[in-house]
N, C-alpha and C. Protein backbone atom coordinates (compact mmCIF):
# COMPACT_ATOMS: atom_id res chain seq x y z
N MET A 1 0.85 -1.01 0.06
CA MET A 1 -0.01 -0.09 0.17
C MET A 1 0.99 1.28 -0.09
N THR A 2 0.73 2.00 -0.92
CA THR A 2 1.30 3.38 -1.04
C THR A 2 0.46 4.51 -0.81
N ALA A 3 1.03 5.66 -0.40
CA ALA A 3 0.27 6.75 -0.30
C ALA A 3 1.04 7.99 -0.75
N VAL A 4 0.40 9.04 -1.16
CA VAL A 4 1.07 10.16 -1.77
C VAL A 4 1.17 11.31 -0.65
N PHE A 5 2.29 11.80 -0.58
CA PHE A 5 2.49 12.58 0.51
C PHE A 5 3.49 13.74 -0.10
N ILE A 6 3.05 14.81 -0.43
CA ILE A 6 3.62 16.10 -0.91
C ILE A 6 4.44 15.60 -2.17
N GLY A 7 3.71 14.98 -3.11
CA GLY A 7 4.10 14.54 -4.36
C GLY A 7 5.12 13.22 -4.30
N PHE A 8 5.21 12.87 -2.88
CA PHE A 8 5.93 11.56 -2.99
C PHE A 8 5.09 10.29 -2.68
N SER A 9 5.42 9.20 -3.03
CA SER A 9 4.63 7.99 -2.74
C SER A 9 5.50 7.36 -1.68
N LEU A 10 4.82 7.05 -0.53
CA LEU A 10 5.19 6.56 0.67
C LEU A 10 4.93 5.02 0.92
N THR A 11 5.58 4.23 1.40
CA THR A 11 5.24 2.88 1.77
C THR A 11 4.87 3.06 3.23
N ASP A 12 4.33 1.91 3.74
CA ASP A 12 4.11 1.86 5.06
C ASP A 12 5.26 2.00 5.92
N LEU A 13 6.28 1.43 5.64
CA LEU A 13 7.55 1.70 6.29
C LEU A 13 8.08 3.09 6.51
N SER A 14 8.03 3.88 5.24
CA SER A 14 8.30 5.30 5.42
C SER A 14 7.31 6.08 6.15
N LYS A 15 6.08 5.76 6.30
CA LYS A 15 5.20 6.33 7.14
C LYS A 15 5.52 6.22 8.56
N HIS A 16 5.87 4.99 8.83
CA HIS A 16 6.31 4.66 10.39
C HIS A 16 7.68 5.56 10.79
N ARG A 17 8.42 5.59 9.75
CA ARG A 17 9.63 6.27 10.10
C ARG A 17 9.57 7.80 10.35
N ILE A 18 8.54 8.28 9.35
CA ILE A 18 7.96 9.72 9.75
C ILE A 18 7.46 9.96 10.96
N LEU A 19 6.50 9.01 11.09
CA LEU A 19 5.77 9.33 12.51
C LEU A 19 6.60 8.97 13.63
N GLY A 20 7.59 8.09 13.65
CA GLY A 20 8.71 7.91 14.64
C GLY A 20 9.34 9.19 14.85
N PHE A 21 9.78 9.84 13.79
CA PHE A 21 10.59 10.95 13.84
C PHE A 21 9.75 12.16 14.44
N MET A 22 8.64 12.13 14.20
CA MET A 22 7.80 13.24 14.69
C MET A 22 7.56 13.05 16.29
N ILE A 23 7.22 11.79 16.50
CA ILE A 23 7.18 11.55 17.89
C ILE A 23 8.30 11.76 18.68
N ARG A 24 9.47 11.40 18.29
CA ARG A 24 10.71 11.73 18.88
C ARG A 24 11.20 13.31 19.12
N THR A 25 10.75 14.00 18.04
CA THR A 25 10.93 15.33 18.05
C THR A 25 10.07 16.04 19.01
N LEU A 26 8.86 15.74 19.18
CA LEU A 26 7.96 16.29 20.12
C LEU A 26 8.34 15.86 21.38
N PHE A 27 8.81 14.66 21.81
CA PHE A 27 9.34 14.33 23.03
C PHE A 27 10.54 15.04 23.45
N ILE A 28 11.45 15.31 22.49
CA ILE A 28 12.62 16.23 22.86
C ILE A 28 12.13 17.53 23.02
N ILE A 29 11.40 18.22 22.35
CA ILE A 29 10.75 19.60 22.57
C ILE A 29 10.16 19.53 23.95
N SER A 30 9.30 18.71 24.33
CA SER A 30 8.58 18.78 25.57
C SER A 30 9.54 18.43 26.79
N LEU A 31 10.50 17.65 26.52
CA LEU A 31 11.54 17.42 27.63
C LEU A 31 12.43 18.50 27.84
N SER A 32 12.74 19.33 26.63
CA SER A 32 13.61 20.55 26.92
C SER A 32 12.92 21.67 27.64
N LEU A 33 11.56 21.75 27.26
CA LEU A 33 10.75 22.71 27.86
C LEU A 33 10.55 22.42 29.42
N GLY A 34 10.29 21.15 29.71
CA GLY A 34 10.26 20.84 30.99
C GLY A 34 11.55 21.09 31.76
N LEU A 35 12.66 20.90 31.38
CA LEU A 35 13.73 21.09 31.98
C LEU A 35 14.21 22.55 32.23
N THR A 36 13.87 23.40 31.29
CA THR A 36 14.14 24.83 31.44
C THR A 36 13.01 25.43 32.30
N SER A 37 11.92 24.95 32.67
CA SER A 37 11.09 25.45 33.66
C SER A 37 11.42 24.98 35.07
N CYS A 38 12.35 24.05 35.22
CA CYS A 38 12.52 23.58 36.51
C CYS A 38 14.22 24.16 36.78
N ALA A 39 14.72 24.97 35.74
CA ALA A 39 16.02 25.43 35.88
C ALA A 39 16.41 26.24 37.18
N ALA A 40 15.28 26.97 37.76
CA ALA A 40 15.55 27.76 38.90
C ALA A 40 15.70 26.84 40.05
N LYS A 41 16.79 27.00 40.69
CA LYS A 41 16.93 26.13 41.88
C LYS A 41 17.24 26.99 43.11
N ALA A 42 16.98 26.44 44.21
CA ALA A 42 17.10 27.06 45.50
C ALA A 42 18.55 27.42 45.62
N PRO A 43 18.83 28.45 46.12
CA PRO A 43 20.31 29.07 46.20
C PRO A 43 20.96 28.62 47.60
N VAL A 44 21.11 27.22 47.71
CA VAL A 44 21.40 26.62 48.94
C VAL A 44 22.80 26.97 49.30
N GLN A 45 23.88 26.95 48.30
CA GLN A 45 25.14 27.54 48.57
C GLN A 45 25.17 28.87 49.06
N ALA A 46 24.44 29.68 48.41
CA ALA A 46 24.52 31.27 48.86
C ALA A 46 23.89 31.47 50.14
N MET A 47 22.78 30.81 50.62
CA MET A 47 22.21 30.89 51.91
C MET A 47 23.08 30.26 53.01
N ALA A 48 23.77 29.29 52.70
CA ALA A 48 24.73 28.47 53.83
C ALA A 48 25.92 29.47 53.94
N GLU A 49 26.40 30.15 52.91
CA GLU A 49 27.63 31.08 53.09
C GLU A 49 27.18 32.22 53.75
N ALA A 50 25.80 32.72 53.64
CA ALA A 50 25.42 34.01 54.19
C ALA A 50 25.17 33.77 55.72
N ARG A 51 24.64 32.46 56.02
CA ARG A 51 24.38 32.36 57.43
C ARG A 51 25.72 32.09 58.13
N ALA A 52 26.76 31.50 57.37
CA ALA A 52 27.98 31.37 58.13
C ALA A 52 28.63 32.61 58.36
N ALA A 53 28.63 33.51 57.54
CA ALA A 53 29.21 34.88 57.71
C ALA A 53 28.41 35.75 58.77
N VAL A 54 27.21 35.74 58.75
CA VAL A 54 26.44 36.33 59.89
C VAL A 54 26.78 35.93 61.15
N GLN A 55 26.73 34.46 61.33
CA GLN A 55 27.12 33.80 62.52
C GLN A 55 28.46 33.96 63.09
N SER A 56 29.47 34.11 61.99
CA SER A 56 30.72 34.51 62.62
C SER A 56 31.00 35.81 63.07
N VAL A 57 30.03 36.78 62.65
CA VAL A 57 30.18 38.21 63.13
C VAL A 57 29.39 38.29 64.44
N ARG A 58 28.32 37.52 64.68
CA ARG A 58 27.50 37.60 65.85
C ARG A 58 28.21 37.82 67.17
N PRO A 59 29.26 37.12 67.48
CA PRO A 59 29.92 37.30 68.78
C PRO A 59 30.71 38.51 68.80
N LEU A 60 30.85 39.27 67.83
CA LEU A 60 31.38 40.61 67.96
C LEU A 60 30.64 41.69 68.43
N TYR A 61 29.33 41.46 68.62
CA TYR A 61 28.28 42.43 69.02
C TYR A 61 27.45 41.92 70.20
N VAL A 62 28.13 41.70 71.28
CA VAL A 62 27.56 41.07 72.56
C VAL A 62 27.41 42.16 73.47
N ASP A 63 28.39 43.01 73.66
CA ASP A 63 28.27 44.10 74.55
C ASP A 63 27.57 45.46 74.16
N GLU A 64 27.19 46.23 75.09
CA GLU A 64 26.34 47.41 74.76
C GLU A 64 26.95 48.54 73.76
N LYS A 65 28.25 48.57 74.14
CA LYS A 65 29.00 49.59 73.51
C LYS A 65 29.09 49.22 72.07
N SER A 66 29.53 48.02 71.59
CA SER A 66 29.35 47.72 70.39
C SER A 66 28.13 47.77 69.49
N LYS A 67 27.04 47.57 70.27
CA LYS A 67 25.55 47.69 69.69
C LYS A 67 25.23 49.02 69.27
N ARG A 68 26.15 50.23 69.86
CA ARG A 68 25.84 51.53 69.40
C ARG A 68 26.76 51.91 68.24
N SER A 69 27.60 51.04 67.76
CA SER A 69 28.66 51.41 66.87
C SER A 69 28.04 51.33 65.41
N LEU A 70 28.75 52.09 64.63
CA LEU A 70 28.32 52.03 63.16
C LEU A 70 28.28 50.65 62.42
N THR A 71 29.30 49.90 62.75
CA THR A 71 29.50 48.58 62.19
C THR A 71 28.39 47.72 62.66
N TYR A 72 27.84 48.04 63.70
CA TYR A 72 26.62 47.23 64.32
C TYR A 72 25.53 47.35 63.25
N ARG A 73 25.45 48.46 62.68
CA ARG A 73 24.30 48.77 61.75
C ARG A 73 24.59 47.91 60.47
N TYR A 74 25.88 47.47 60.13
CA TYR A 74 26.03 46.66 59.01
C TYR A 74 25.63 45.18 59.43
N TYR A 75 25.90 44.93 60.79
CA TYR A 75 25.50 43.45 61.05
C TYR A 75 24.04 43.36 61.02
N GLN A 76 23.49 44.32 61.72
CA GLN A 76 22.00 44.29 61.61
C GLN A 76 21.31 44.25 60.23
N SER A 77 22.01 44.89 59.20
CA SER A 77 21.52 44.87 57.79
C SER A 77 21.85 43.45 57.27
N ALA A 78 22.92 42.93 57.77
CA ALA A 78 23.21 41.48 57.27
C ALA A 78 22.12 40.44 57.86
N GLU A 79 21.93 40.67 59.11
CA GLU A 79 20.87 39.86 59.72
C GLU A 79 19.34 39.94 58.98
N GLN A 80 19.06 41.23 58.65
CA GLN A 80 17.72 41.42 58.07
C GLN A 80 17.86 40.86 56.73
N ALA A 81 18.80 41.19 55.90
CA ALA A 81 18.98 40.55 54.62
C ALA A 81 18.90 38.99 54.72
N LEU A 82 19.30 38.37 55.50
CA LEU A 82 19.24 37.05 55.88
C LEU A 82 17.84 36.47 56.06
N LEU A 83 17.25 37.31 56.93
CA LEU A 83 15.87 37.00 57.14
C LEU A 83 15.01 37.11 55.80
N ASP A 84 15.29 38.16 55.14
CA ASP A 84 14.54 38.38 53.96
C ASP A 84 14.84 37.36 52.85
N ALA A 85 16.09 36.89 52.85
CA ALA A 85 16.45 35.81 51.87
C ALA A 85 15.72 34.50 52.41
N SER A 86 15.49 34.25 53.51
CA SER A 86 14.84 32.99 54.03
C SER A 86 13.32 33.03 53.69
N GLN A 87 12.79 34.25 53.97
CA GLN A 87 11.47 34.51 53.37
C GLN A 87 11.32 34.21 51.84
N ALA A 88 12.07 34.88 51.11
CA ALA A 88 11.93 34.57 49.71
C ALA A 88 12.29 33.12 49.31
N LEU A 89 13.10 32.42 49.90
CA LEU A 89 13.40 31.10 49.81
C LEU A 89 11.97 30.28 49.98
N ASN A 90 11.31 30.63 51.18
CA ASN A 90 10.08 29.80 51.41
C ASN A 90 9.04 30.26 50.36
N GLU A 91 9.03 31.32 49.78
CA GLU A 91 7.99 31.72 48.76
C GLU A 91 8.47 31.29 47.36
N LYS A 92 9.59 30.61 47.31
CA LYS A 92 10.10 29.90 46.07
C LYS A 92 10.60 31.17 45.06
N LYS A 93 10.96 32.34 45.81
CA LYS A 93 11.52 33.30 44.89
C LYS A 93 12.96 33.29 44.93
N TYR A 94 13.50 32.39 44.16
CA TYR A 94 14.85 31.91 44.28
C TYR A 94 15.96 33.04 43.78
N GLU A 95 15.59 33.60 43.04
CA GLU A 95 16.66 34.70 42.50
C GLU A 95 16.66 35.86 43.48
N LEU A 96 15.53 36.17 44.05
CA LEU A 96 15.35 37.17 45.10
C LEU A 96 16.24 36.75 46.44
N ALA A 97 15.90 35.46 46.72
CA ALA A 97 16.70 34.92 47.90
C ALA A 97 18.06 34.94 47.70
N LYS A 98 18.52 34.60 46.55
CA LYS A 98 20.03 34.54 46.33
C LYS A 98 20.60 35.94 46.41
N GLN A 99 19.96 36.81 45.79
CA GLN A 99 20.44 38.32 45.90
C GLN A 99 20.53 38.88 47.36
N LYS A 100 19.48 38.39 48.09
CA LYS A 100 19.45 38.89 49.62
C LYS A 100 20.39 38.00 50.30
N ALA A 101 20.84 36.89 49.94
CA ALA A 101 21.89 36.12 50.65
C ALA A 101 23.12 36.64 50.38
N LEU A 102 23.39 36.98 49.15
CA LEU A 102 24.76 37.60 48.88
C LEU A 102 24.76 38.99 49.55
N HIS A 103 23.79 39.82 49.71
CA HIS A 103 23.97 41.00 50.33
C HIS A 103 24.14 40.86 51.79
N ALA A 104 23.56 39.97 52.43
CA ALA A 104 23.63 39.64 53.86
C ALA A 104 25.15 39.15 53.95
N LYS A 105 25.89 38.52 53.14
CA LYS A 105 27.09 37.83 53.18
C LYS A 105 28.30 39.17 53.17
N ARG A 106 27.81 40.12 52.00
CA ARG A 106 28.75 41.32 52.04
C ARG A 106 28.53 42.13 53.12
N GLN A 107 27.35 42.35 53.76
CA GLN A 107 27.20 43.16 54.97
C GLN A 107 27.94 42.75 56.18
N ALA A 108 27.80 41.27 56.29
CA ALA A 108 28.50 40.71 57.56
C ALA A 108 29.90 40.78 57.32
N ARG A 109 30.55 40.54 56.24
CA ARG A 109 32.08 40.54 55.95
C ARG A 109 32.50 41.99 56.08
N PHE A 110 31.67 43.12 55.57
CA PHE A 110 32.01 44.43 55.85
C PHE A 110 31.93 44.90 57.35
N ALA A 111 31.07 44.33 58.20
CA ALA A 111 31.08 44.58 59.61
C ALA A 111 32.17 43.96 60.36
N ALA A 112 32.67 42.80 59.85
CA ALA A 112 33.81 42.16 60.35
C ALA A 112 35.24 42.99 60.12
N LYS A 113 35.07 43.48 58.91
CA LYS A 113 36.41 44.36 58.43
C LYS A 113 36.50 45.53 59.53
N LEU A 114 35.36 46.28 59.66
CA LEU A 114 35.33 47.39 60.36
C LEU A 114 35.58 47.26 61.70
N LYS A 115 35.21 46.20 62.30
CA LYS A 115 35.29 45.82 63.78
C LYS A 115 36.70 45.48 64.10
């Protein structure tokens, strides 16, 4: 049995090859679309580094005199940014969480340098 397809005569074998090619192509396209939608990953590394930076600076601000210093404001800013990053992470706003975590890390390091 032959069929005419765009001026060509196709046998059953050719039809199956074309159908198989179309199915594979659709599968690859749908797979790639599925993978790109899952590309946003939680910023686990950035969050861990920010937490470590803030925790390493925390002992520097235990007395009242240091709490009135300018560098304490950087430490507070780092802690607030870390809280904001955690909230964004819970809301699955991964890019915002990463930005806030990096900000927290920078603020904590700056506070440590000034102390």
